C-alpha atoms as a PDB file:
ATOM      1  CA  MET A   1      75.385   9.809 -42.172  1.00  0.00           C
ATOM      2  CA  GLN A   2      72.738  12.122 -40.660  1.00  0.00           C
ATOM      3  CA  PHE A   3      73.520  14.734 -43.242  1.00  0.00           C
ATOM      4  CA  LEU A   4      73.210  12.016 -46.049  1.00  0.00           C
ATOM      5  CA  PHE A   5      69.665  10.974 -44.617  1.00  0.00           C
ATOM      6  CA  SER A   6      68.534  14.399 -44.389  1.00  0.00           C
ATOM      7  CA  LYS A   7      69.465  15.070 -48.012  1.00  0.00           C
ATOM      8  CA  VAL A   8      67.715  11.986 -49.114  1.00  0.00           C
ATOM      9  CA  LYS A   9      64.690  12.818 -47.043  1.00  0.00           C
ATOM     10  CA  ASN A  10      64.485  16.357 -48.520  1.00  0.00           C
ATOM     11  CA  ILE A  11      64.731  14.742 -52.108  1.00  0.00           C
ATOM     12  CA  LEU A  12      61.913  12.268 -51.350  1.00  0.00           C
ATOM     13  CA  THR A  13      59.513  14.892 -49.906  1.00  0.00           C
ATOM     14  CA  SER A  14      60.403  17.552 -52.489  1.00  0.00           C
ATOM     15  CA  THR A  15      57.727  18.886 -54.798  1.00  0.00           C
ATOM     16  CA  ILE A  16      59.743  17.782 -57.899  1.00  0.00           C
ATOM     17  CA  PHE A  17      60.120  14.244 -56.887  1.00  0.00           C
ATOM     18  CA  LEU A  18      56.477  13.896 -55.706  1.00  0.00           C
ATOM     19  CA  ALA A  19      55.148  15.488 -58.684  1.00  0.00           C
ATOM     20  CA  ILE A  20      57.067  13.065 -60.936  1.00  0.00           C
ATOM     21  CA  VAL A  21      55.950  10.080 -58.896  1.00  0.00           C
ATOM     22  CA  ALA A  22      52.256  11.240 -59.231  1.00  0.00           C
ATOM     23  CA  ALA A  23      52.641  11.767 -62.830  1.00  0.00           C
ATOM     24  CA  LEU A  24      54.270   8.243 -63.406  1.00  0.00           C
ATOM     25  CA  LEU A  25      51.490   6.619 -61.421  1.00  0.00           C
ATOM     26  CA  TRP A  26      48.828   8.264 -63.489  1.00  0.00           C
ATOM     27  CA  SER A  27      50.639   7.223 -66.707  1.00  0.00           C
ATOM     28  CA  THR A  28      50.197   3.507 -65.807  1.00  0.00           C
ATOM     29  CA  ALA A  29      46.374   3.996 -65.680  1.00  0.00           C
ATOM     30  CA  PHE A  30      45.590   4.110 -69.592  1.00  0.00           C
ATOM     31  CA  ALA A  31      46.715   0.530 -70.062  1.00  0.00           C
ATOM     32  CA  GLY A  32      44.613  -0.609 -67.082  1.00  0.00           C
ATOM     33  CA  ILE A  33      41.656   1.357 -68.098  1.00  0.00           C
ATOM     34  CA  LYS A  34      41.709  -0.307 -71.633  1.00  0.00           C
ATOM     35  CA  ILE A  35      42.070  -3.751 -69.986  1.00  0.00           C
ATOM     36  CA  GLY A  36      39.005  -3.009 -67.542  1.00  0.00           C
ATOM     37  CA  LEU A  37      36.741  -1.645 -70.289  1.00  0.00           C
ATOM     38  CA  GLN A  38      37.115  -4.925 -72.227  1.00  0.00           C
ATOM     39  CA  TYR A  39      34.839  -6.545 -69.526  1.00  0.00           C
ATOM     40  CA  GLN A  40      32.759  -3.672 -67.932  1.00  0.00           C
ATOM     41  CA  SER A  41      30.968  -0.543 -69.157  1.00  0.00           C
ATOM     42  CA  PRO A  42      32.997   2.761 -68.666  1.00  0.00           C
ATOM     43  CA  LEU A  43      30.953   4.599 -66.151  1.00  0.00           C
ATOM     44  CA  GLN A  44      30.332   1.614 -63.847  1.00  0.00           C
ATOM     45  CA  PHE A  45      33.971   0.616 -64.068  1.00  0.00           C
ATOM     46  CA  GLY A  46      35.190   4.110 -63.322  1.00  0.00           C
ATOM     47  CA  SER A  47      32.784   4.535 -60.351  1.00  0.00           C
ATOM     48  CA  LEU A  48      33.969   1.256 -58.740  1.00  0.00           C
ATOM     49  CA  ARG A  49      37.536   2.443 -59.219  1.00  0.00           C
ATOM     50  CA  PHE A  50      36.970   5.700 -57.188  1.00  0.00           C
ATOM     51  CA  ILE A  51      34.789   4.051 -54.584  1.00  0.00           C
ATOM     52  CA  LEU A  52      37.636   1.550 -53.819  1.00  0.00           C
ATOM     53  CA  ALA A  53      40.195   4.375 -53.999  1.00  0.00           C
ATOM     54  CA  GLY A  54      38.244   6.456 -51.381  1.00  0.00           C
ATOM     55  CA  LEU A  55      37.953   3.497 -49.089  1.00  0.00           C
ATOM     56  CA  MET A  56      41.812   2.869 -49.341  1.00  0.00           C
ATOM     57  CA  VAL A  57      42.624   6.490 -48.410  1.00  0.00           C
ATOM     58  CA  MET A  58      40.220   6.297 -45.648  1.00  0.00           C
ATOM     59  CA  ILE A  59      41.695   3.221 -44.174  1.00  0.00           C
ATOM     60  CA  ALA A  60      45.236   4.775 -44.520  1.00  0.00           C
ATOM     61  CA  PHE A  61      44.220   8.022 -42.962  1.00  0.00           C
ATOM     62  CA  GLY A  62      43.337   6.088 -39.804  1.00  0.00           C
ATOM     63  CA  ASN A  63      41.906   8.907 -37.716  1.00  0.00           C
ATOM     64  CA  HIS A  64      38.188   8.338 -38.392  1.00  0.00           C
ATOM     65  CA  LYS A  65      36.964  10.772 -35.754  1.00  0.00           C
ATOM     66  CA  LYS A  66      38.961  13.698 -37.511  1.00  0.00           C
ATOM     67  CA  TYR A  67      37.930  12.338 -40.810  1.00  0.00           C
ATOM     68  CA  LEU A  68      34.250  12.674 -39.886  1.00  0.00           C
ATOM     69  CA  VAL A  69      34.644  16.024 -38.330  1.00  0.00           C
ATOM     70  CA  GLU A  70      36.265  17.489 -41.494  1.00  0.00           C
ATOM     71  CA  VAL A  71      33.643  15.855 -43.807  1.00  0.00           C
ATOM     72  CA  ARG A  72      30.901  17.350 -41.912  1.00  0.00           C
ATOM     73  CA  ARG A  73      32.490  20.841 -41.777  1.00  0.00           C
ATOM     74  CA  GLU A  74      33.592  20.827 -45.504  1.00  0.00           C
ATOM     75  CA  TRP A  75      30.925  18.711 -47.184  1.00  0.00           C
ATOM     76  CA  ARG A  76      29.965  21.210 -49.685  1.00  0.00           C
ATOM     77  CA  PHE A  77      33.524  21.769 -50.996  1.00  0.00           C
ATOM     78  CA  ILE A  78      34.210  18.039 -51.016  1.00  0.00           C
ATOM     79  CA  LEU A  79      31.024  17.318 -52.837  1.00  0.00           C
ATOM     80  CA  LEU A  80      31.771  19.976 -55.375  1.00  0.00           C
ATOM     81  CA  ILE A  81      35.302  18.453 -56.034  1.00  0.00           C
ATOM     82  CA  GLY A  82      33.681  14.982 -56.135  1.00  0.00           C
ATOM     83  CA  ILE A  83      31.299  16.050 -58.793  1.00  0.00           C
ATOM     84  CA  LEU A  84      33.918  17.860 -60.751  1.00  0.00           C
ATOM     85  CA  GLN A  85      36.769  15.377 -60.412  1.00  0.00           C
ATOM     86  CA  VAL A  86      34.843  12.215 -60.633  1.00  0.00           C
ATOM     87  CA  VAL A  87      31.333  12.491 -61.972  1.00  0.00           C
ATOM     88  CA  VAL A  88      32.095  15.170 -64.662  1.00  0.00           C
ATOM     89  CA  GLN A  89      35.925  14.655 -65.390  1.00  0.00           C
ATOM     90  CA  TYR A  90      36.052  10.866 -65.196  1.00  0.00           C
ATOM     91  CA  GLY A  91      32.721  10.151 -66.411  1.00  0.00           C
ATOM     92  CA  ILE A  92      33.766  12.092 -69.532  1.00  0.00           C
ATOM     93  CA  PHE A  93      37.251  10.463 -69.399  1.00  0.00           C
ATOM     94  CA  TYR A  94      36.035   6.851 -69.188  1.00  0.00           C
ATOM     95  CA  THR A  95      33.447   7.390 -71.773  1.00  0.00           C
ATOM     96  CA  ALA A  96      36.040   8.876 -74.177  1.00  0.00           C
ATOM     97  CA  MET A  97      38.706   6.144 -73.411  1.00  0.00           C
ATOM     98  CA  ASP A  98      36.071   3.605 -74.541  1.00  0.00           C
ATOM     99  CA  LEU A  99      36.011   5.314 -77.924  1.00  0.00           C
ATOM    100  CA  VAL A 100      39.888   6.021 -78.566  1.00  0.00           C
ATOM    101  CA  PRO A 101      43.036   4.017 -78.544  1.00  0.00           C
ATOM    102  CA  GLY A 102      44.895   4.183 -75.264  1.00  0.00           C
ATOM    103  CA  ALA A 103      48.006   5.848 -76.654  1.00  0.00           C
ATOM    104  CA  VAL A 104      45.963   8.562 -78.198  1.00  0.00           C
ATOM    105  CA  GLY A 105      44.005   9.200 -74.969  1.00  0.00           C
ATOM    106  CA  ALA A 106      47.372   9.269 -73.029  1.00  0.00           C
ATOM    107  CA  MET A 107      48.675  12.026 -75.418  1.00  0.00           C
ATOM    108  CA  ILE A 108      45.653  14.270 -75.170  1.00  0.00           C
ATOM    109  CA  VAL A 109      45.289  14.029 -71.591  1.00  0.00           C
ATOM    110  CA  GLY A 110      48.972  14.725 -71.114  1.00  0.00           C
ATOM    111  CA  SER A 111      48.330  18.202 -72.686  1.00  0.00           C
ATOM    112  CA  SER A 112      46.167  19.103 -69.547  1.00  0.00           C
ATOM    113  CA  PRO A 113      48.933  21.311 -68.162  1.00  0.00           C
ATOM    114  CA  LEU A 114      48.214  23.813 -70.986  1.00  0.00           C
ATOM    115  CA  PHE A 115      44.497  24.053 -69.951  1.00  0.00           C
ATOM    116  CA  VAL A 116      45.387  24.408 -66.349  1.00  0.00           C
ATOM    117  CA  ALA A 117      47.677  27.414 -67.290  1.00  0.00           C
ATOM    118  CA  LEU A 118      44.928  29.039 -69.122  1.00  0.00           C
ATOM    119  CA  ILE A 119      42.422  28.649 -66.245  1.00  0.00           C
ATOM    120  CA  ALA A 120      45.062  29.625 -63.727  1.00  0.00           C
ATOM    121  CA  HIS A 121      45.652  32.850 -65.847  1.00  0.00           C
ATOM    122  CA  PHE A 122      42.145  34.065 -65.273  1.00  0.00           C
ATOM    123  CA  THR A 123      41.744  32.968 -61.690  1.00  0.00           C
ATOM    124  CA  HIS A 124      45.301  33.399 -60.024  1.00  0.00           C
ATOM    125  CA  PRO A 125      46.628  37.038 -60.114  1.00  0.00           C
ATOM    126  CA  ASP A 126      50.260  35.580 -59.449  1.00  0.00           C
ATOM    127  CA  ASP A 127      50.083  32.891 -62.242  1.00  0.00           C
ATOM    128  CA  LYS A 128      49.586  34.726 -65.286  1.00  0.00           C
ATOM    129  CA  LEU A 129      50.384  33.611 -68.949  1.00  0.00           C
ATOM    130  CA  THR A 130      53.351  35.318 -70.285  1.00  0.00           C
ATOM    131  CA  TYR A 131      54.240  35.729 -74.085  1.00  0.00           C
ATOM    132  CA  ALA A 132      56.392  32.546 -73.805  1.00  0.00           C
ATOM    133  CA  ARG A 133      53.713  30.649 -72.123  1.00  0.00           C
ATOM    134  CA  SER A 134      51.015  31.813 -74.535  1.00  0.00           C
ATOM    135  CA  MET A 135      53.238  30.624 -77.350  1.00  0.00           C
ATOM    136  CA  SER A 136      53.712  27.331 -75.758  1.00  0.00           C
ATOM    137  CA  PHE A 137      49.903  26.999 -75.176  1.00  0.00           C
ATOM    138  CA  LEU A 138      49.600  27.530 -79.020  1.00  0.00           C
ATOM    139  CA  ALA A 139      52.251  24.905 -79.589  1.00  0.00           C
ATOM    140  CA  GLY A 140      50.351  22.554 -77.313  1.00  0.00           C
ATOM    141  CA  VAL A 141      47.127  22.959 -79.188  1.00  0.00           C
ATOM    142  CA  ALA A 142      49.183  22.299 -82.385  1.00  0.00           C
ATOM    143  CA  GLY A 143      50.307  19.162 -80.808  1.00  0.00           C
ATOM    144  CA  ILE A 144      46.800  17.960 -80.159  1.00  0.00           C
ATOM    145  CA  ALA A 145      45.962  18.902 -83.893  1.00  0.00           C
ATOM    146  CA  VAL A 146      48.823  16.829 -85.016  1.00  0.00           C
ATOM    147  CA  ILE A 147      47.617  13.841 -82.989  1.00  0.00           C
ATOM    148  CA  THR A 148      44.110  14.206 -84.207  1.00  0.00           C
ATOM    149  CA  VAL A 149      44.976  14.707 -87.925  1.00  0.00           C
ATOM    150  CA  GLY A 150      47.459  11.810 -87.639  1.00  0.00           C
ATOM    151  CA  ARG A 151      44.507   9.619 -86.734  1.00  0.00           C
ATOM    152  CA  ARG A 152      43.462   9.789 -90.465  1.00  0.00           C
ATOM    153  CA  GLY A 153      46.539   7.902 -91.345  1.00  0.00           C
ATOM    154  CA  ILE A 154      45.384   4.942 -89.330  1.00  0.00           C
ATOM    155  CA  GLU A 155      42.281   2.809 -89.813  1.00  0.00           C
ATOM    156  CA  LEU A 156      39.455   4.294 -87.841  1.00  0.00           C
ATOM    157  CA  LYS A 157      37.524   1.688 -85.941  1.00  0.00           C
ATOM    158  CA  SER A 158      34.580   3.941 -85.537  1.00  0.00           C
ATOM    159  CA  SER A 159      33.586   7.651 -86.461  1.00  0.00           C
ATOM    160  CA  LEU A 160      32.940   7.899 -82.577  1.00  0.00           C
ATOM    161  CA  GLU A 161      36.625   8.182 -82.094  1.00  0.00           C
ATOM    162  CA  TRP A 162      36.413  11.997 -82.980  1.00  0.00           C
ATOM    163  CA  LEU A 163      33.746  12.400 -80.358  1.00  0.00           C
ATOM    164  CA  GLY A 164      36.207  10.646 -77.908  1.00  0.00           C
ATOM    165  CA  ILE A 165      39.019  13.105 -78.727  1.00  0.00           C
ATOM    166  CA  LEU A 166      36.601  16.052 -78.143  1.00  0.00           C
ATOM    167  CA  LEU A 167      35.474  14.529 -74.729  1.00  0.00           C
ATOM    168  CA  LEU A 168      39.163  14.277 -73.615  1.00  0.00           C
ATOM    169  CA  ILE A 169      39.640  17.949 -74.305  1.00  0.00           C
ATOM    170  CA  LEU A 170      36.593  18.675 -72.144  1.00  0.00           C
ATOM    171  CA  ASN A 171      38.214  16.420 -69.586  1.00  0.00           C
ATOM    172  CA  ASN A 172      41.218  18.624 -69.608  1.00  0.00           C
ATOM    173  CA  LEU A 173      39.067  21.667 -68.784  1.00  0.00           C
ATOM    174  CA  ALA A 174      37.305  19.988 -65.850  1.00  0.00           C
ATOM    175  CA  SER A 175      40.631  18.800 -64.533  1.00  0.00           C
ATOM    176  CA  GLY A 176      42.187  22.227 -64.697  1.00  0.00           C
ATOM    177  CA  TYR A 177      39.178  23.861 -62.927  1.00  0.00           C
ATOM    178  CA  SER A 178      39.245  21.377 -60.113  1.00  0.00           C
ATOM    179  CA  ASN A 179      43.002  21.968 -59.650  1.00  0.00           C
ATOM    180  CA  VAL A 180      42.420  25.675 -59.340  1.00  0.00           C
ATOM    181  CA  LEU A 181      39.703  25.287 -56.761  1.00  0.00           C
ATOM    182  CA  VAL A 182      41.829  22.927 -54.643  1.00  0.00           C
ATOM    183  CA  SER A 183      44.704  25.315 -54.656  1.00  0.00           C
ATOM    184  CA  ARG A 184      42.545  28.373 -53.788  1.00  0.00           C
ATOM    185  CA  ASN A 185      40.522  26.853 -50.999  1.00  0.00           C
ATOM    186  CA  PRO A 186      41.651  28.690 -47.895  1.00  0.00           C
ATOM    187  CA  ARG A 187      39.924  26.623 -45.236  1.00  0.00           C
ATOM    188  CA  PRO A 188      41.885  23.891 -43.298  1.00  0.00           C
ATOM    189  CA  LEU A 189      41.080  20.489 -44.930  1.00  0.00           C
ATOM    190  CA  SER A 190      43.441  17.506 -45.092  1.00  0.00           C
ATOM    191  CA  PRO A 191      44.228  16.570 -48.553  1.00  0.00           C
ATOM    192  CA  TYR A 192      43.792  13.002 -47.632  1.00  0.00           C
ATOM    193  CA  VAL A 193      40.308  13.602 -46.282  1.00  0.00           C
ATOM    194  CA  LEU A 194      39.458  15.571 -49.498  1.00  0.00           C
ATOM    195  CA  THR A 195      40.856  12.834 -51.724  1.00  0.00           C
ATOM    196  CA  SER A 196      39.000  10.021 -49.900  1.00  0.00           C
ATOM    197  CA  ALA A 197      35.677  11.617 -49.275  1.00  0.00           C
ATOM    198  CA  SER A 198      35.421  13.239 -52.796  1.00  0.00           C
ATOM    199  CA  MET A 199      36.202   9.888 -54.523  1.00  0.00           C
ATOM    200  CA  LEU A 200      33.678   8.033 -52.338  1.00  0.00           C
ATOM    201  CA  GLY A 201      30.917  10.651 -52.857  1.00  0.00           C
ATOM    202  CA  GLY A 202      31.668  11.188 -56.566  1.00  0.00           C
ATOM    203  CA  GLY A 203      32.196   7.381 -57.206  1.00  0.00           C
ATOM    204  CA  ILE A 204      28.713   6.591 -55.664  1.00  0.00           C
ATOM    205  CA  LEU A 205      27.069   9.287 -57.645  1.00  0.00           C
ATOM    206  CA  LEU A 206      28.723   7.979 -60.856  1.00  0.00           C
ATOM    207  CA  TYR A 207      27.537   4.427 -60.108  1.00  0.00           C
ATOM    208  CA  LEU A 208      24.009   5.714 -59.581  1.00  0.00           C
ATOM    209  CA  ILE A 209      24.250   7.721 -62.858  1.00  0.00           C
ATOM    210  CA  SER A 210      25.545   4.627 -64.712  1.00  0.00           C
ATOM    211  CA  LEU A 211      22.671   2.410 -63.705  1.00  0.00           C
ATOM    212  CA  PRO A 212      19.875   3.780 -66.018  1.00  0.00           C
ATOM    213  CA  PHE A 213      22.467   3.931 -68.997  1.00  0.00           C
ATOM    214  CA  GLU A 214      24.508   0.670 -68.428  1.00  0.00           C
ATOM    215  CA  GLY A 215      22.326  -1.476 -66.219  1.00  0.00           C
ATOM    216  CA  PHE A 216      23.482  -3.507 -63.186  1.00  0.00           C
ATOM    217  CA  GLN A 217      26.573  -5.484 -63.999  1.00  0.00           C
ATOM    218  CA  ALA A 218      27.271  -8.114 -61.428  1.00  0.00           C
ATOM    219  CA  GLY A 219      29.876 -10.002 -63.219  1.00  0.00           C
ATOM    220  CA  PRO A 220      31.408 -12.683 -62.812  1.00  0.00           C
ATOM    221  CA  PHE A 221      34.575 -10.862 -64.065  1.00  0.00           C
ATOM    222  CA  PRO A 222      38.001 -12.435 -64.826  1.00  0.00           C
ATOM    223  CA  VAL A 223      41.208 -11.947 -62.868  1.00  0.00           C
ATOM    224  CA  ALA A 224      42.479  -9.329 -65.490  1.00  0.00           C
ATOM    225  CA  TRP A 225      39.575  -7.099 -64.515  1.00  0.00           C
ATOM    226  CA  SER A 226      40.127  -7.462 -60.783  1.00  0.00           C
ATOM    227  CA  ALA A 227      43.867  -6.691 -61.133  1.00  0.00           C
ATOM    228  CA  ALA A 228      43.125  -3.718 -63.345  1.00  0.00           C
ATOM    229  CA  LEU A 229      40.478  -2.308 -60.756  1.00  0.00           C
ATOM    230  CA  PHE A 230      42.700  -2.746 -57.962  1.00  0.00           C
ATOM    231  CA  TRP A 231      45.773  -1.107 -59.520  1.00  0.00           C
ATOM    232  CA  LEU A 232      43.596   1.841 -60.779  1.00  0.00           C
ATOM    233  CA  ALA A 233      42.124   2.292 -57.412  1.00  0.00           C
ATOM    234  CA  PHE A 234      45.656   2.345 -55.861  1.00  0.00           C
ATOM    235  CA  VAL A 235      46.785   4.791 -58.454  1.00  0.00           C
ATOM    236  CA  SER A 236      44.008   7.239 -57.778  1.00  0.00           C
ATOM    237  CA  ALA A 237      44.371   6.920 -53.947  1.00  0.00           C
ATOM    238  CA  ALA A 238      48.071   7.591 -54.182  1.00  0.00           C
ATOM    239  CA  ALA A 239      48.467  10.081 -56.918  1.00  0.00           C
ATOM    240  CA  PHE A 240      45.467  12.291 -55.823  1.00  0.00           C
ATOM    241  CA  SER A 241      46.696  12.365 -52.329  1.00  0.00           C
ATOM    242  CA  ILE A 242      50.094  13.442 -53.331  1.00  0.00           C
ATOM    243  CA  TRP A 243      48.803  15.964 -55.932  1.00  0.00           C
ATOM    244  CA  TYR A 244      46.195  17.671 -53.532  1.00  0.00           C
ATOM    245  CA  SER A 245      48.951  17.918 -50.955  1.00  0.00           C
ATOM    246  CA  LEU A 246      51.263  19.569 -53.343  1.00  0.00           C
ATOM    247  CA  LEU A 247      48.507  22.021 -54.570  1.00  0.00           C
ATOM    248  CA  LYS A 248      48.211  23.258 -51.043  1.00  0.00           C
ATOM    249  CA  ARG A 249      51.987  23.861 -50.377  1.00  0.00           C
ATOM    250  CA  PRO A 250      53.093  27.493 -49.967  1.00  0.00           C
ATOM    251  CA  GLY A 251      54.703  29.011 -53.087  1.00  0.00           C
ATOM    252  CA  VAL A 252      53.671  26.330 -55.407  1.00  0.00           C
ATOM    253  CA  LYS A 253      51.925  27.597 -58.507  1.00  0.00           C
ATOM    254  CA  VAL A 254      49.281  25.522 -60.201  1.00  0.00           C
ATOM    255  CA  SER A 255      50.546  25.861 -63.646  1.00  0.00           C
ATOM    256  CA  GLU A 256      54.124  25.338 -62.642  1.00  0.00           C
ATOM    257  CA  LEU A 257      53.261  22.094 -60.685  1.00  0.00           C
ATOM    258  CA  ASN A 258      51.205  20.742 -63.678  1.00  0.00           C
ATOM    259  CA  VAL A 259      54.228  20.904 -65.989  1.00  0.00           C
ATOM    260  CA  TRP A 260      55.358  17.598 -64.587  1.00  0.00           C
ATOM    261  CA  LYS A 261      52.299  15.953 -66.169  1.00  0.00           C
ATOM    262  CA  PHE A 262      54.340  16.076 -69.443  1.00  0.00           C
ATOM    263  CA  LEU A 263      55.640  12.788 -68.383  1.00  0.00           C
ATOM    264  CA  ILE A 264      52.140  11.161 -68.495  1.00  0.00           C
ATOM    265  CA  PRO A 265      51.865  11.136 -72.313  1.00  0.00           C
ATOM    266  CA  VAL A 266      55.374   9.742 -72.701  1.00  0.00           C
ATOM    267  CA  SER A 267      55.194   6.734 -70.329  1.00  0.00           C
ATOM    268  CA  GLY A 268      51.410   6.366 -70.756  1.00  0.00           C
ATOM    269  CA  ALA A 269      51.685   5.771 -74.470  1.00  0.00           C
ATOM    270  CA  GLY A 270      54.690   3.571 -74.144  1.00  0.00           C
ATOM    271  CA  LEU A 271      52.851   1.371 -71.610  1.00  0.00           C
ATOM    272  CA  SER A 272      49.766   1.193 -73.934  1.00  0.00           C
ATOM    273  CA  TRP A 273      51.819   0.229 -76.911  1.00  0.00           C
ATOM    274  CA  LEU A 274      53.423  -2.519 -74.868  1.00  0.00           C
ATOM    275  CA  LEU A 275      50.561  -3.973 -73.007  1.00  0.00           C
ATOM    276  CA  VAL A 276      47.306  -3.351 -74.969  1.00  0.00           C
ATOM    277  CA  LYS A 277      46.652  -5.655 -77.917  1.00  0.00           C
ATOM    278  CA  GLY A 278      46.352  -3.617 -81.170  1.00  0.00           C
ATOM    279  CA  GLU A 279      48.145  -0.560 -79.939  1.00  0.00           C
ATOM    280  CA  HIS A 280      51.332   0.425 -81.709  1.00  0.00           C
ATOM    281  CA  PRO A 281      53.344   3.625 -82.385  1.00  0.00           C
ATOM    282  CA  ASP A 282      52.986   5.801 -85.458  1.00  0.00           C
ATOM    283  CA  TRP A 283      55.121   8.728 -86.324  1.00  0.00           C
ATOM    284  CA  MET A 284      52.230  11.369 -86.354  1.00  0.00           C
ATOM    285  CA  THR A 285      51.344  10.412 -82.852  1.00  0.00           C
ATOM    286  CA  VAL A 286      54.777  10.435 -81.631  1.00  0.00           C
ATOM    287  CA  THR A 287      55.359  13.922 -83.296  1.00  0.00           C
ATOM    288  CA  GLY A 288      52.312  15.213 -81.383  1.00  0.00           C
ATOM    289  CA  MET A 289      53.716  13.774 -78.284  1.00  0.00           C
ATOM    290  CA  VAL A 290      57.015  15.599 -78.777  1.00  0.00           C
ATOM    291  CA  VAL A 291      55.279  18.888 -79.627  1.00  0.00           C
ATOM    292  CA  ILE A 292      53.127  18.708 -76.478  1.00  0.00           C
ATOM    293  CA  ALA A 293      56.006  17.801 -74.106  1.00  0.00           C
ATOM    294  CA  GLY A 294      58.154  20.681 -75.635  1.00  0.00           C
ATOM    295  CA  SER A 295      55.413  23.149 -75.256  1.00  0.00           C
ATOM    296  CA  LEU A 296      55.066  22.230 -71.513  1.00  0.00           C
ATOM    297  CA  LEU A 297      58.696  22.682 -70.899  1.00  0.00           C
ATOM    298  CA  LEU A 298      58.757  25.989 -72.784  1.00  0.00           C
ATOM    299  CA  MET A 299      55.806  27.141 -70.782  1.00  0.00           C
ATOM    300  CA  ASN A 300      57.576  26.695 -67.463  1.00  0.00           C
ATOM    301  CA  LEU A 301      61.208  27.255 -68.499  1.00  0.00           C
ATOM    302  CA  GLY A 302      61.428  30.942 -67.356  1.00  0.00           C
ATOM    303  CA  ALA A 303      59.675  30.285 -64.104  1.00  0.00           C
ATOM    304  CA  GLY A 304      61.896  27.335 -63.484  1.00  0.00           C
ATOM    305  CA  LYS A 305      64.970  29.356 -63.812  1.00  0.00           C
ATOM    306  CA  LYS A 306      63.775  31.923 -61.510  1.00  0.00           C
ATOM    307  CA  THR A 307      62.216  30.064 -58.658  1.00  0.00           C
ATOM    308  CA  ALA A 308      62.642  26.422 -59.581  1.00  0.00           C
ATOM    309  CA  ILE A 309      60.800  24.651 -56.842  1.00  0.00           C
ATOM    310  CA  PRO A 310      60.417  26.896 -53.743  1.00  0.00           C
ATOM    311  CA  PRO A 311      62.093  26.070 -50.466  1.00  0.00           C
ATOM    312  CA  GLU A 312      58.773  25.250 -48.964  1.00  0.00           C
ATOM    313  CA  SER A 313      58.541  22.302 -51.362  1.00  0.00           C
ATOM    314  CA  SER A 314      60.479  20.065 -48.956  1.00  0.00           C
ATOM    315  CA  ALA A 315      57.547  20.379 -46.321  1.00  0.00           C
ATOM    316  CA  PRO A 316      55.892  17.159 -45.406  1.00  0.00           C
ATOM    317  CA  LEU A 317      52.680  16.083 -47.086  1.00  0.00           C
ATOM    318  CA  SER A 318      50.173  17.390 -44.508  1.00  0.00           C
END
């Protein structure tokens, strides 16, 4: 029984399992975002999500003295991540998601591991793009092109949808860069403190930025808005805490970890098609999804055979 318990514990704390959990959590966000944006402007809705998420992690962390000590010591790095991850990345993301259908947004954002791999190639000496990875990167770009071109076969609600697609690609670049920064930071900083403080600081900055452009929105908002906001805050709190912990594990490469995000476009699109009114599958978008998912698998196939997930991956999230 003790052996069985140990095996289950190792599986539940392994990098593979936790990366899949984080990816599946993120995939649920697309439908919630589309619901929330029906009632509130993108920057203000996004800022409230991250402020609430930061408070959730702070409460869960519990040790407020240690929390404040680490924030005071590492405030510059925390602020940088907050600006990149919340203000830049999600400011772009929420604006873009207000312009494109949720399924298309899920597909393009799901290609982010390709961008992470490209950034890691130039910043991590031990995480270079091989020939196979380079080919998979080109295949992923082709998948994005298939999705984009496929939009011409669907009635466009606005010409701004093309701007939304470009913004989502920029969002991928910001996400990749912030992942690399977190993985390379050598100083001792709890991933939970980093998650909470960066979301709080970034969320407050994003809210202040939103005011001149979107005005002050006091509501009242319906129950659907409240439910979407709470769920999205929980997703951010849980998924980013897991992800930042995994990025700091010994032996885990940024590009190899990000391959598990290929699950995001698959389940994210499915949820959007099921839950968001007016969203429905089309063969071009599905084809693009398959190409992107295949490119991500190809990119990490060789590395997966050699190292799979390193033994250190069963270490606890701390």
